[in-house]
Amino acid sequence: MQDINTRSVRYPEAVDQKFEKIALKLGRTKRQIFIQMVDYFYKSKKDPMDLNDEMLKNALVKNHKDLIGFIKTQENDLLIPTRREIDRMVEAFRNVINFFNETLSPGLNAVLAGQQTESDRFKLIADVIKRSELQQTGKEQLKKQFALILDGYAKARENISGFNTSREKEELLANTKAQIEILR
């Protein structure tokens, strides 16, 4: 079996000390760290000389511009048309409300006033009917009372007519007239 580790890299001792510290810190061998560093730079396509990571900055700026462009596109495609439609609907509702207030509202007010007038008339009619019922009841009561007084007068006169004096007859007549006066 052939050894695949045939290459070597030469570097100064100061770099080796730094390399040793990194390996100890990460808990791996220097060989593993070296292989992982090579894989990292190969896959990420980063330049180890670029300490400020200009490629990353450029990628972030590009992504930021793409995101801003997407937001502006969404704004133009969705938000602005939606806003226009909402404004149009609000204006249409205002027109409907104005039409209602200017055209239909006075007519409705007139209808309501007419209904109120009719309601007042019905109340007056109900009052008149109640009063006439009370008067009718009063007349009926008056007739009954008068009939009782008249019956009482007739009976008393029959009792008196045979053998009593005219003074008693006059008292009876005065009494009956007084009872009739009370009825008024």
Foldseek 3Di string as FASTA:
>chain_A
DDDPPPDDDDDDVVVVVVLVVVCVVVVHDSVVVVVVVVVVCVVVVFDPVPPVRVVVVVVVVVVVVVVVVVVVVCCVVPVVVVVVVVVVVVVVVVVVVVCCVVPVVVVVVVVVVVVVVVVVVVVVVVVVVVVVVVVVVLVVVLVVQLVVLVVVLVVVCVVQVPDHDVVVNVVSVVVSVVSNVVSD
